[in-house]
């Protein structure tokens, strides 16, 4: 009889353990946003797009191409969108839609926002990305170097 009670206890603990494990199993990681390019942004944000086109950085790749620096990693960090980051600019041949400094350079990758534009959490994250400690200084500190080297 004791043997059957022991087996019953083991079975109960096994099922309870499985139930607890299922309840606390971490869910799949949240989808990672990827870069989509300014052409995707302009559809819903036409005024911002018009402002963007008036800014020098909207043509920043042209400058480094004229100087023959279109393959220089130090230049590409600031003259393209997402260079060196997953899904960011790789080359003019493979990722031409990410040439120039674009919206996502300051707001972060936009694919999740494109997929669900009304998600307040995603929109808040893109607005907050601008306030990250290095959001501006990644490029603006380097701008001073341009004066030193004669750009």
N, C-alpha and C. Protein backbone atom coordinates (compact mmCIF):
# COMPACT_ATOMS: atom_id res chain seq x y z
N UNK A 1 0.81 -1.18 0.00
CA UNK A 1 0.00 0.00 0.00
C UNK A 1 0.86 1.26 0.00
N UNK A 2 1.90 1.26 0.84
CA UNK A 2 2.80 2.42 0.89
C UNK A 2 3.41 2.69 -0.47
N UNK A 3 3.71 1.64 -1.18
CA UNK A 3 4.31 1.77 -2.50
C UNK A 3 3.38 2.56 -3.41
N UNK A 4 2.09 2.26 -3.40
CA UNK A 4 1.12 2.96 -4.26
C UNK A 4 0.94 4.42 -3.83
N UNK A 5 0.99 4.68 -2.55
CA UNK A 5 0.89 6.06 -2.06
C UNK A 5 2.12 6.85 -2.53
N UNK A 6 3.28 6.25 -2.43
CA UNK A 6 4.52 6.89 -2.89
C UNK A 6 4.48 7.19 -4.38
N UNK A 7 3.98 6.23 -5.17
CA UNK A 7 3.87 6.43 -6.62
C UNK A 7 2.87 7.54 -6.91
N UNK A 8 1.76 7.57 -6.18
CA UNK A 8 0.74 8.61 -6.35
C UNK A 8 1.30 9.99 -6.05
N UNK A 9 2.09 10.09 -4.96
CA UNK A 9 2.70 11.37 -4.58
C UNK A 9 3.67 11.83 -5.68
N UNK A 10 4.46 10.91 -6.21
CA UNK A 10 5.40 11.24 -7.28
C UNK A 10 4.64 11.74 -8.50
N UNK A 11 3.55 11.06 -8.86
CA UNK A 11 2.76 11.48 -10.02
C UNK A 11 2.16 12.86 -9.80
N UNK A 12 1.62 13.11 -8.63
CA UNK A 12 1.03 14.43 -8.32
C UNK A 12 2.10 15.51 -8.42
N UNK A 13 3.27 15.29 -7.79
CA UNK A 13 4.33 16.28 -7.84
C UNK A 13 4.83 16.50 -9.27
N UNK A 14 4.84 15.44 -10.07
CA UNK A 14 5.26 15.56 -11.47
C UNK A 14 4.30 16.48 -12.22
N UNK A 15 2.99 16.24 -12.07
CA UNK A 15 2.02 17.07 -12.77
C UNK A 15 2.02 18.52 -12.26
N UNK A 16 2.16 18.69 -10.95
CA UNK A 16 2.23 20.04 -10.39
C UNK A 16 3.48 20.75 -10.91
N UNK A 17 4.58 20.02 -10.93
CA UNK A 17 5.82 20.60 -11.44
C UNK A 17 5.71 21.01 -12.89
N UNK A 18 5.09 20.17 -13.70
CA UNK A 18 4.89 20.50 -15.12
C UNK A 18 3.99 21.72 -15.28
N UNK A 19 2.95 21.80 -14.47
CA UNK A 19 2.04 22.95 -14.55
C UNK A 19 2.76 24.24 -14.18
N UNK A 20 3.56 24.17 -13.14
CA UNK A 20 4.32 25.36 -12.73
C UNK A 20 5.33 25.74 -13.81
N UNK A 21 6.01 24.75 -14.37
CA UNK A 21 7.00 25.02 -15.41
C UNK A 21 6.35 25.68 -16.62
N UNK A 22 5.17 25.21 -17.00
CA UNK A 22 4.49 25.81 -18.15
C UNK A 22 4.09 27.24 -17.85
N UNK A 23 3.65 27.48 -16.62
CA UNK A 23 3.21 28.83 -16.25
C UNK A 23 4.37 29.82 -16.28
N UNK A 24 5.55 29.38 -15.91
CA UNK A 24 6.69 30.29 -15.80
C UNK A 24 7.69 30.16 -16.94
N UNK A 25 7.35 29.40 -17.96
CA UNK A 25 8.24 29.30 -19.11
C UNK A 25 8.30 30.65 -19.79
N UNK A 26 9.49 31.20 -19.98
CA UNK A 26 9.56 32.51 -20.62
C UNK A 26 8.97 32.46 -22.03
N UNK A 27 8.26 33.50 -22.36
CA UNK A 27 7.68 33.56 -23.69
C UNK A 27 8.77 33.84 -24.71
N UNK A 28 8.43 33.69 -25.95
CA UNK A 28 9.39 33.97 -27.01
C UNK A 28 9.86 35.41 -26.91
N UNK A 29 11.11 35.67 -27.21
CA UNK A 29 11.60 37.04 -27.12
C UNK A 29 10.81 37.96 -28.05
N UNK A 30 10.66 39.19 -27.59
CA UNK A 30 9.95 40.18 -28.40
C UNK A 30 10.66 40.37 -29.73
N UNK A 31 9.90 40.64 -30.74
CA UNK A 31 10.47 40.84 -32.07
C UNK A 31 11.43 42.03 -32.04
N UNK A 32 12.51 41.89 -32.76
CA UNK A 32 13.48 42.97 -32.87
C UNK A 32 13.10 43.86 -34.04
N UNK A 33 13.13 45.13 -33.82
CA UNK A 33 12.84 46.08 -34.89
C UNK A 33 14.01 46.10 -35.88
N UNK A 34 13.68 46.31 -37.13
CA UNK A 34 14.70 46.44 -38.17
C UNK A 34 14.52 47.78 -38.88
N UNK A 35 15.54 48.17 -39.61
CA UNK A 35 15.50 49.44 -40.33
C UNK A 35 14.68 49.31 -41.61
N UNK A 36 13.86 50.31 -41.88
CA UNK A 36 12.98 50.26 -43.06
C UNK A 36 13.29 51.36 -44.07
N UNK A 37 13.89 52.44 -43.65
CA UNK A 37 14.21 53.54 -44.55
C UNK A 37 13.14 54.62 -44.59
N UNK A 38 13.55 55.80 -44.96
CA UNK A 38 12.71 56.99 -44.92
C UNK A 38 11.50 56.91 -45.85
N UNK A 39 11.59 56.15 -46.92
CA UNK A 39 10.45 56.04 -47.83
C UNK A 39 9.23 55.43 -47.14
N UNK A 40 9.45 54.59 -46.15
CA UNK A 40 8.34 54.01 -45.38
C UNK A 40 7.78 55.05 -44.40
N UNK A 41 8.60 55.95 -43.92
CA UNK A 41 8.17 56.95 -42.94
C UNK A 41 7.33 58.06 -43.59
N UNK A 42 7.71 58.44 -44.79
CA UNK A 42 7.09 59.60 -45.44
C UNK A 42 5.61 59.41 -45.72
N UNK A 43 5.16 58.19 -45.86
CA UNK A 43 3.76 57.93 -46.15
C UNK A 43 2.85 58.49 -45.05
N UNK A 44 3.20 58.24 -43.81
CA UNK A 44 2.37 58.68 -42.68
C UNK A 44 2.84 59.99 -42.06
N UNK A 45 4.06 60.39 -42.35
CA UNK A 45 4.63 61.59 -41.75
C UNK A 45 5.12 62.55 -42.84
N UNK A 46 4.21 63.02 -43.71
CA UNK A 46 4.66 63.84 -44.86
C UNK A 46 5.29 65.17 -44.45
N UNK A 47 4.80 65.81 -43.40
CA UNK A 47 5.39 67.09 -42.99
C UNK A 47 6.80 66.90 -42.45
N UNK A 48 6.99 65.87 -41.67
CA UNK A 48 8.33 65.57 -41.16
C UNK A 48 9.27 65.22 -42.30
N UNK A 49 8.76 64.53 -43.29
CA UNK A 49 9.56 64.16 -44.45
C UNK A 49 10.00 65.42 -45.21
N UNK A 50 9.09 66.36 -45.40
CA UNK A 50 9.44 67.61 -46.09
C UNK A 50 10.51 68.36 -45.32
N UNK A 51 10.41 68.38 -44.00
CA UNK A 51 11.43 69.03 -43.17
C UNK A 51 12.76 68.30 -43.31
N UNK A 52 12.70 66.99 -43.31
CA UNK A 52 13.91 66.16 -43.46
C UNK A 52 14.64 66.51 -44.76
N UNK A 53 13.90 66.63 -45.86
CA UNK A 53 14.53 66.91 -47.16
C UNK A 53 15.26 68.25 -47.18
N UNK A 54 14.90 69.16 -46.31
CA UNK A 54 15.55 70.48 -46.26
C UNK A 54 16.83 70.46 -45.43
N UNK A 55 17.06 69.38 -44.71
CA UNK A 55 18.22 69.28 -43.83
C UNK A 55 19.44 68.74 -44.59
N UNK A 56 20.61 69.22 -44.24
CA UNK A 56 21.85 68.78 -44.91
C UNK A 56 22.06 67.28 -44.80
N UNK A 57 21.71 66.71 -43.65
CA UNK A 57 21.99 65.29 -43.47
C UNK A 57 21.15 64.39 -44.37
N UNK A 58 20.12 64.95 -45.02
CA UNK A 58 19.34 64.13 -45.96
C UNK A 58 20.12 63.83 -47.24
N UNK A 59 21.25 64.50 -47.39
CA UNK A 59 22.11 64.29 -48.56
C UNK A 59 23.53 63.93 -48.13
N UNK A 60 23.67 63.45 -46.92
CA UNK A 60 25.00 63.24 -46.35
C UNK A 60 25.85 62.21 -47.09
N UNK A 61 25.25 61.25 -47.73
CA UNK A 61 26.02 60.23 -48.46
C UNK A 61 26.69 60.85 -49.69
N UNK A 62 26.03 61.81 -50.29
CA UNK A 62 26.56 62.48 -51.48
C UNK A 62 27.94 63.08 -51.18
N UNK A 63 28.06 63.66 -50.00
CA UNK A 63 29.31 64.30 -49.61
C UNK A 63 30.45 63.29 -49.53
N UNK A 64 30.21 62.17 -48.86
CA UNK A 64 31.32 61.22 -48.73
C UNK A 64 31.60 60.49 -50.04
N UNK A 65 30.61 60.37 -50.90
CA UNK A 65 30.86 59.79 -52.23
C UNK A 65 31.76 60.73 -53.04
N UNK A 66 31.49 62.04 -52.95
CA UNK A 66 32.32 63.02 -53.67
C UNK A 66 33.77 62.96 -53.19
N UNK A 67 33.97 62.65 -51.93
CA UNK A 67 35.32 62.60 -51.36
C UNK A 67 35.93 61.20 -51.44
N UNK A 68 35.22 60.25 -52.06
CA UNK A 68 35.73 58.89 -52.19
C UNK A 68 35.77 58.13 -50.87
N UNK A 69 34.93 58.48 -49.94
CA UNK A 69 34.93 57.87 -48.61
C UNK A 69 33.72 56.97 -48.38
N UNK A 70 33.02 56.56 -49.45
CA UNK A 70 31.78 55.81 -49.31
C UNK A 70 31.96 54.41 -48.71
N UNK A 71 33.18 53.98 -48.53
CA UNK A 71 33.45 52.69 -47.89
C UNK A 71 34.20 52.84 -46.56
N UNK A 72 34.37 54.05 -46.12
CA UNK A 72 35.09 54.32 -44.88
C UNK A 72 34.14 54.16 -43.68
N UNK A 73 34.37 53.16 -42.84
CA UNK A 73 33.48 52.91 -41.70
C UNK A 73 33.31 54.12 -40.78
N UNK A 74 34.34 54.90 -40.63
CA UNK A 74 34.23 56.09 -39.76
C UNK A 74 33.25 57.10 -40.34
N UNK A 75 33.20 57.20 -41.66
CA UNK A 75 32.26 58.12 -42.30
C UNK A 75 30.84 57.54 -42.33
N UNK A 76 30.76 56.24 -42.60
CA UNK A 76 29.46 55.59 -42.74
C UNK A 76 28.66 55.61 -41.43
N UNK A 77 29.33 55.67 -40.29
CA UNK A 77 28.63 55.71 -39.01
C UNK A 77 27.66 56.90 -38.93
N UNK A 78 28.04 58.01 -39.52
CA UNK A 78 27.22 59.22 -39.41
C UNK A 78 26.53 59.62 -40.71
N UNK A 79 26.95 59.06 -41.81
CA UNK A 79 26.38 59.47 -43.09
C UNK A 79 25.38 58.46 -43.65
N UNK A 80 25.05 57.44 -42.86
CA UNK A 80 24.07 56.43 -43.27
C UNK A 80 23.17 56.12 -42.07
N UNK A 81 22.20 55.25 -42.29
CA UNK A 81 21.26 54.88 -41.23
C UNK A 81 21.53 53.45 -40.76
N UNK A 82 21.86 53.31 -39.49
CA UNK A 82 22.05 52.00 -38.88
C UNK A 82 23.33 51.29 -39.23
N UNK A 83 24.33 52.00 -39.73
CA UNK A 83 25.58 51.34 -40.09
C UNK A 83 26.18 50.65 -38.85
N UNK A 84 26.61 49.41 -39.04
CA UNK A 84 27.22 48.67 -37.94
C UNK A 84 26.22 48.03 -37.00
N UNK A 85 24.94 48.21 -37.25
CA UNK A 85 23.90 47.62 -36.40
C UNK A 85 23.13 46.58 -37.21
N UNK A 86 22.55 45.59 -36.52
CA UNK A 86 21.79 44.57 -37.24
C UNK A 86 20.70 45.18 -38.13
N UNK A 87 20.71 44.84 -39.39
CA UNK A 87 19.70 45.34 -40.32
C UNK A 87 19.95 46.75 -40.82
N UNK A 88 21.08 47.35 -40.44
CA UNK A 88 21.39 48.71 -40.87
C UNK A 88 22.12 48.74 -42.20
N UNK A 89 22.55 49.93 -42.57
CA UNK A 89 23.26 50.13 -43.83
C UNK A 89 24.47 49.22 -43.90
N UNK A 90 24.65 48.59 -45.08
CA UNK A 90 25.81 47.74 -45.33
C UNK A 90 26.63 48.34 -46.47
N UNK A 91 25.97 48.59 -47.59
CA UNK A 91 26.64 49.17 -48.75
C UNK A 91 25.60 49.79 -49.67
N UNK A 92 26.06 50.63 -50.58
CA UNK A 92 25.17 51.25 -51.56
C UNK A 92 24.51 50.18 -52.42
N UNK A 93 25.23 49.11 -52.67
CA UNK A 93 24.68 48.05 -53.52
C UNK A 93 23.59 47.23 -52.82
N UNK A 94 23.79 46.90 -51.55
CA UNK A 94 22.85 46.02 -50.87
C UNK A 94 21.77 46.74 -50.06
N UNK A 95 22.05 47.93 -49.57
CA UNK A 95 21.07 48.66 -48.74
C UNK A 95 20.98 50.14 -49.14
N UNK A 96 20.69 50.41 -50.41
CA UNK A 96 20.64 51.81 -50.85
C UNK A 96 19.53 52.61 -50.15
N UNK A 97 18.49 51.95 -49.67
CA UNK A 97 17.40 52.64 -49.00
C UNK A 97 17.80 53.18 -47.63
N UNK A 98 19.01 52.84 -47.16
CA UNK A 98 19.49 53.34 -45.87
C UNK A 98 20.66 54.31 -46.02
N UNK A 99 20.89 54.78 -47.24
CA UNK A 99 21.91 55.82 -47.42
C UNK A 99 21.41 57.09 -46.75
N UNK A 100 22.32 57.93 -46.36
CA UNK A 100 22.03 59.21 -45.70
C UNK A 100 21.56 59.00 -44.27
N UNK A 101 21.65 60.04 -43.52
CA UNK A 101 21.14 60.06 -42.15
C UNK A 101 19.64 60.23 -42.27
N UNK A 102 18.84 59.30 -41.74
CA UNK A 102 17.38 59.32 -41.89
C UNK A 102 16.68 59.29 -40.53
N UNK A 103 15.38 59.26 -40.55
CA UNK A 103 14.54 59.27 -39.35
C UNK A 103 15.02 58.26 -38.29
N UNK A 104 15.30 57.05 -38.75
CA UNK A 104 15.66 55.97 -37.84
C UNK A 104 17.02 56.16 -37.19
N UNK A 105 17.82 57.06 -37.70
CA UNK A 105 19.11 57.35 -37.07
C UNK A 105 18.89 57.93 -35.68
N UNK A 106 17.83 58.68 -35.52
CA UNK A 106 17.53 59.29 -34.23
C UNK A 106 16.41 58.56 -33.48
N UNK A 107 15.46 58.01 -34.21
CA UNK A 107 14.29 57.39 -33.58
C UNK A 107 14.41 55.88 -33.42
N UNK A 108 15.43 55.28 -34.00
CA UNK A 108 15.59 53.84 -33.91
C UNK A 108 14.87 53.12 -35.03
N UNK A 109 15.16 51.84 -35.21
CA UNK A 109 14.56 51.06 -36.29
C UNK A 109 13.03 51.11 -36.24
N UNK A 110 12.39 51.22 -37.41
CA UNK A 110 10.96 51.47 -37.45
C UNK A 110 10.06 50.34 -37.89
N UNK A 111 10.57 49.13 -38.10
CA UNK A 111 9.72 48.06 -38.64
C UNK A 111 8.53 47.72 -37.74
N UNK A 112 8.72 47.73 -36.43
CA UNK A 112 7.61 47.40 -35.53
C UNK A 112 6.54 48.49 -35.58
N UNK A 113 6.97 49.73 -35.71
CA UNK A 113 6.02 50.84 -35.83
C UNK A 113 5.24 50.74 -37.15
N UNK A 114 5.92 50.40 -38.21
CA UNK A 114 5.27 50.23 -39.52
C UNK A 114 4.23 49.11 -39.43
N UNK A 115 4.57 48.02 -38.77
CA UNK A 115 3.67 46.88 -38.66
C UNK A 115 2.46 47.16 -37.78
N UNK A 116 2.62 48.06 -36.80
CA UNK A 116 1.54 48.36 -35.88
C UNK A 116 1.60 49.83 -35.48
N UNK A 117 1.22 50.73 -36.38
CA UNK A 117 1.40 52.17 -36.15
C UNK A 117 0.63 52.73 -34.96
N UNK A 118 -0.43 52.08 -34.54
CA UNK A 118 -1.21 52.63 -33.43
C UNK A 118 -0.75 52.14 -32.07
N UNK A 119 0.26 51.28 -32.01
CA UNK A 119 0.76 50.76 -30.74
C UNK A 119 1.47 51.88 -29.98
N UNK A 120 0.85 52.32 -28.91
CA UNK A 120 1.39 53.45 -28.13
C UNK A 120 2.75 53.13 -27.52
N UNK A 121 2.96 51.89 -27.14
CA UNK A 121 4.23 51.50 -26.53
C UNK A 121 5.38 51.61 -27.54
N UNK A 122 5.13 51.17 -28.76
CA UNK A 122 6.16 51.25 -29.80
C UNK A 122 6.44 52.71 -30.14
N UNK A 123 5.39 53.52 -30.27
CA UNK A 123 5.57 54.94 -30.58
C UNK A 123 6.35 55.64 -29.47
N UNK A 124 6.03 55.31 -28.23
CA UNK A 124 6.74 55.92 -27.10
C UNK A 124 8.22 55.53 -27.11
N UNK A 125 8.50 54.28 -27.46
CA UNK A 125 9.90 53.84 -27.52
C UNK A 125 10.67 54.59 -28.60
N UNK A 126 10.03 54.84 -29.73
CA UNK A 126 10.71 55.58 -30.81
C UNK A 126 10.95 57.03 -30.42
N UNK A 127 10.00 57.61 -29.70
CA UNK A 127 10.20 58.99 -29.22
C UNK A 127 11.30 59.03 -28.16
N UNK A 128 11.31 58.02 -27.29
CA UNK A 128 12.31 57.97 -26.22
C UNK A 128 13.71 57.72 -26.76
N UNK A 129 13.83 57.02 -27.88
CA UNK A 129 15.14 56.69 -28.45
C UNK A 129 15.95 57.96 -28.71
N UNK A 130 15.27 59.02 -29.05
CA UNK A 130 15.94 60.30 -29.32
C UNK A 130 16.65 60.82 -28.07
N UNK A 131 16.15 60.45 -26.90
CA UNK A 131 16.71 60.95 -25.64
C UNK A 131 17.74 60.02 -25.02
N UNK A 132 18.13 59.00 -25.75
CA UNK A 132 19.19 58.11 -25.25
C UNK A 132 20.46 58.93 -25.06
N UNK A 133 21.28 58.56 -24.08
CA UNK A 133 22.47 59.37 -23.77
C UNK A 133 23.38 59.65 -24.96
N UNK A 134 23.47 58.72 -25.91
CA UNK A 134 24.38 58.93 -27.03
C UNK A 134 23.66 59.17 -28.35
N UNK A 135 22.37 59.43 -28.31
CA UNK A 135 21.59 59.58 -29.54
C UNK A 135 22.15 60.67 -30.45
N UNK A 136 22.56 61.76 -29.90
CA UNK A 136 23.07 62.89 -30.70
C UNK A 136 24.59 62.88 -30.80
N UNK A 137 25.22 62.56 -29.69
CA UNK A 137 26.68 62.69 -29.65
C UNK A 137 27.39 61.68 -30.53
N UNK A 138 26.73 60.57 -30.88
CA UNK A 138 27.38 59.60 -31.77
C UNK A 138 27.92 60.29 -33.02
N UNK A 139 27.19 61.24 -33.53
CA UNK A 139 27.63 61.94 -34.74
C UNK A 139 28.10 63.36 -34.46
N UNK A 140 27.45 64.03 -33.55
CA UNK A 140 27.80 65.44 -33.34
C UNK A 140 29.18 65.63 -32.74
N UNK A 141 29.69 64.68 -31.99
CA UNK A 141 31.07 64.77 -31.50
C UNK A 141 32.03 64.61 -32.66
N UNK A 142 31.69 63.72 -33.58
CA UNK A 142 32.54 63.51 -34.76
C UNK A 142 32.55 64.72 -35.68
N UNK A 143 31.49 65.51 -35.67
CA UNK A 143 31.43 66.68 -36.55
C UNK A 143 32.60 67.62 -36.29
N UNK A 144 33.03 67.71 -35.05
CA UNK A 144 34.16 68.57 -34.71
C UNK A 144 35.42 68.08 -35.42
N UNK A 145 35.51 66.77 -35.58
CA UNK A 145 36.68 66.20 -36.27
C UNK A 145 36.74 66.65 -37.72
N UNK A 146 35.59 66.93 -38.32
CA UNK A 146 35.57 67.40 -39.70
C UNK A 146 36.39 68.69 -39.85
N UNK A 147 36.25 69.57 -38.89
CA UNK A 147 37.00 70.85 -38.95
C UNK A 147 38.49 70.61 -38.84
N UNK A 148 38.86 69.64 -38.00
CA UNK A 148 40.27 69.35 -37.78
C UNK A 148 40.91 68.80 -39.05
N UNK A 149 40.19 67.92 -39.77
CA UNK A 149 40.78 67.30 -40.94
C UNK A 149 40.46 68.07 -42.23
N UNK A 150 39.79 69.20 -42.11
CA UNK A 150 39.59 70.06 -43.25
C UNK A 150 38.34 69.82 -44.09
N UNK A 151 37.33 69.20 -43.52
CA UNK A 151 36.08 69.02 -44.28
C UNK A 151 35.20 70.24 -44.16
